[in-house]
Amino acid sequence: MRYNAAAMSNHPTDFTGDIPTAIRDAVVAAIPDAVVEAAGGGGHWTITVTSPVFAGKSLLVSHRLVMSAIAPLLAGAAPPIHAVDSLTTRVP
């Protein structure tokens, strides 16, 4: 079941800055050649990451690479990311 992030209540955060940029920066810091697309709001995000690093890796391993990179954005009392509603990893 897919949820409509716009229909959900706003997620309060104490983060200052551009959240899509923070997501991209965090992923690229862990996977330097990654192309990252991030969209969402209200704490709910859809993330697509394309990188050769995913070649030969299982979906679980690929997703763990991305989720570990953005873990700091999910931590704390009022994080900028409440949920990753969709995560897609691709090989170019």
C-alpha atoms as a PDB file:
ATOM      1  CA  MET A   1       0.000   0.000   0.000  1.00  0.00           C
ATOM      2  CA  ARG A   2       1.342   3.424  -0.931  1.00  0.00           C
ATOM      3  CA  TYR A   3       0.643   6.371   1.303  1.00  0.00           C
ATOM      4  CA  ASN A   4       0.114   9.898   0.118  1.00  0.00           C
ATOM      5  CA  ALA A   5       2.644  12.005   2.037  1.00  0.00           C
ATOM      6  CA  ALA A   6       0.661  15.161   1.288  1.00  0.00           C
ATOM      7  CA  ALA A   7      -2.361  13.712   3.085  1.00  0.00           C
ATOM      8  CA  MET A   8      -0.334  12.958   6.222  1.00  0.00           C
ATOM      9  CA  SER A   9       0.136  15.408   9.037  1.00  0.00           C
ATOM     10  CA  ASN A  10       3.191  17.634   8.952  1.00  0.00           C
ATOM     11  CA  HIS A  11       6.207  16.189  10.739  1.00  0.00           C
ATOM     12  CA  PRO A  12       7.857  18.790  12.995  1.00  0.00           C
ATOM     13  CA  THR A  13      11.614  19.097  12.661  1.00  0.00           C
ATOM     14  CA  ASP A  14      14.320  21.279  14.110  1.00  0.00           C
ATOM     15  CA  PHE A  15      16.416  20.836  10.951  1.00  0.00           C
ATOM     16  CA  THR A  16      17.441  23.994   9.151  1.00  0.00           C
ATOM     17  CA  GLY A  17      18.407  23.811   5.519  1.00  0.00           C
ATOM     18  CA  ASP A  18      17.269  22.053   2.383  1.00  0.00           C
ATOM     19  CA  ILE A  19      16.338  18.446   3.165  1.00  0.00           C
ATOM     20  CA  PRO A  20      16.702  17.074  -0.415  1.00  0.00           C
ATOM     21  CA  THR A  21      20.201  18.576  -0.534  1.00  0.00           C
ATOM     22  CA  ALA A  22      21.029  17.041   2.856  1.00  0.00           C
ATOM     23  CA  ILE A  23      19.870  13.645   1.590  1.00  0.00           C
ATOM     24  CA  ARG A  24      21.946  13.969  -1.593  1.00  0.00           C
ATOM     25  CA  ASP A  25      25.019  15.135   0.332  1.00  0.00           C
ATOM     26  CA  ALA A  26      24.758  12.263   2.824  1.00  0.00           C
ATOM     27  CA  VAL A  27      24.405   9.611   0.121  1.00  0.00           C
ATOM     28  CA  VAL A  28      27.188  11.058  -2.062  1.00  0.00           C
ATOM     29  CA  ALA A  29      29.483  11.179   0.966  1.00  0.00           C
ATOM     30  CA  ALA A  30      29.016   7.407   1.334  1.00  0.00           C
ATOM     31  CA  ILE A  31      28.703   6.568  -2.384  1.00  0.00           C
ATOM     32  CA  PRO A  32      30.743   9.206  -4.245  1.00  0.00           C
ATOM     33  CA  ASP A  33      29.532   8.372  -7.773  1.00  0.00           C
ATOM     34  CA  ALA A  34      25.840   8.254  -6.826  1.00  0.00           C
ATOM     35  CA  VAL A  35      23.144  10.183  -8.632  1.00  0.00           C
ATOM     36  CA  VAL A  36      20.477  10.937  -6.036  1.00  0.00           C
ATOM     37  CA  GLU A  37      16.890  12.076  -6.487  1.00  0.00           C
ATOM     38  CA  ALA A  38      14.927  12.965  -3.361  1.00  0.00           C
ATOM     39  CA  ALA A  39      11.350  14.186  -3.214  1.00  0.00           C
ATOM     40  CA  GLY A  40       8.809  14.555  -0.479  1.00  0.00           C
ATOM     41  CA  GLY A  41       7.879  16.636   2.478  1.00  0.00           C
ATOM     42  CA  GLY A  42       6.209  16.479   5.837  1.00  0.00           C
ATOM     43  CA  GLY A  43       8.875  14.033   6.967  1.00  0.00           C
ATOM     44  CA  HIS A  44       8.070  11.483   4.231  1.00  0.00           C
ATOM     45  CA  TRP A  45      10.539  11.000   1.398  1.00  0.00           C
ATOM     46  CA  THR A  46      10.986   9.086  -1.832  1.00  0.00           C
ATOM     47  CA  ILE A  47      14.627   8.454  -2.723  1.00  0.00           C
ATOM     48  CA  THR A  48      16.167   7.035  -5.895  1.00  0.00           C
ATOM     49  CA  VAL A  49      19.904   6.342  -6.035  1.00  0.00           C
ATOM     50  CA  THR A  50      21.757   5.271  -9.177  1.00  0.00           C
ATOM     51  CA  SER A  51      25.319   3.979  -8.849  1.00  0.00           C
ATOM     52  CA  PRO A  52      27.592   1.247 -10.214  1.00  0.00           C
ATOM     53  CA  VAL A  53      28.314   0.286  -6.585  1.00  0.00           C
ATOM     54  CA  PHE A  54      24.992  -1.597  -6.533  1.00  0.00           C
ATOM     55  CA  ALA A  55      26.071  -3.991  -9.297  1.00  0.00           C
ATOM     56  CA  GLY A  56      26.044  -7.564  -8.033  1.00  0.00           C
ATOM     57  CA  LYS A  57      24.611  -6.559  -4.648  1.00  0.00           C
ATOM     58  CA  SER A  58      21.286  -7.757  -3.316  1.00  0.00           C
ATOM     59  CA  LEU A  59      18.434  -5.320  -2.845  1.00  0.00           C
ATOM     60  CA  LEU A  60      18.866  -5.605   0.919  1.00  0.00           C
ATOM     61  CA  VAL A  61      22.581  -4.729   0.786  1.00  0.00           C
ATOM     62  CA  SER A  62      21.927  -1.848  -1.621  1.00  0.00           C
ATOM     63  CA  HIS A  63      19.202  -0.417   0.591  1.00  0.00           C
ATOM     64  CA  ARG A  64      21.363  -0.779   3.692  1.00  0.00           C
ATOM     65  CA  LEU A  65      24.102   1.271   1.998  1.00  0.00           C
ATOM     66  CA  VAL A  66      21.682   4.132   1.404  1.00  0.00           C
ATOM     67  CA  MET A  67      19.872   3.887   4.734  1.00  0.00           C
ATOM     68  CA  SER A  68      23.129   3.871   6.684  1.00  0.00           C
ATOM     69  CA  ALA A  69      24.211   6.989   4.788  1.00  0.00           C
ATOM     70  CA  ILE A  70      21.063   8.901   5.739  1.00  0.00           C
ATOM     71  CA  ALA A  71      20.781   7.474   9.276  1.00  0.00           C
ATOM     72  CA  PRO A  72      21.793  10.794  10.920  1.00  0.00           C
ATOM     73  CA  LEU A  73      18.852  12.464   9.138  1.00  0.00           C
ATOM     74  CA  LEU A  74      16.508   9.934  10.782  1.00  0.00           C
ATOM     75  CA  ALA A  75      17.931  10.344  14.294  1.00  0.00           C
ATOM     76  CA  GLY A  76      16.992  12.640  17.136  1.00  0.00           C
ATOM     77  CA  ALA A  77      13.829  14.024  18.650  1.00  0.00           C
ATOM     78  CA  ALA A  78      12.746  16.017  15.563  1.00  0.00           C
ATOM     79  CA  PRO A  79      14.631  14.618  12.547  1.00  0.00           C
ATOM     80  CA  PRO A  80      14.061  15.960   9.026  1.00  0.00           C
ATOM     81  CA  ILE A  81      13.200  12.458   7.776  1.00  0.00           C
ATOM     82  CA  HIS A  82      10.410  10.610   9.551  1.00  0.00           C
ATOM     83  CA  ALA A  83      10.030   7.873   6.928  1.00  0.00           C
ATOM     84  CA  VAL A  84      11.441   6.767   3.597  1.00  0.00           C
ATOM     85  CA  ASP A  85       8.227   5.777   1.840  1.00  0.00           C
ATOM     86  CA  SER A  86      10.029   4.534  -1.255  1.00  0.00           C
ATOM     87  CA  LEU A  87      13.684   3.699  -1.845  1.00  0.00           C
ATOM     88  CA  THR A  88      14.870   2.641  -5.282  1.00  0.00           C
ATOM     89  CA  THR A  89      18.469   1.663  -6.036  1.00  0.00           C
ATOM     90  CA  ARG A  90      19.597   1.280  -9.637  1.00  0.00           C
ATOM     91  CA  VAL A  91      22.701   0.378 -11.586  1.00  0.00           C
ATOM     92  CA  PRO A  92      23.333   2.787 -14.504  1.00  0.00           C
END
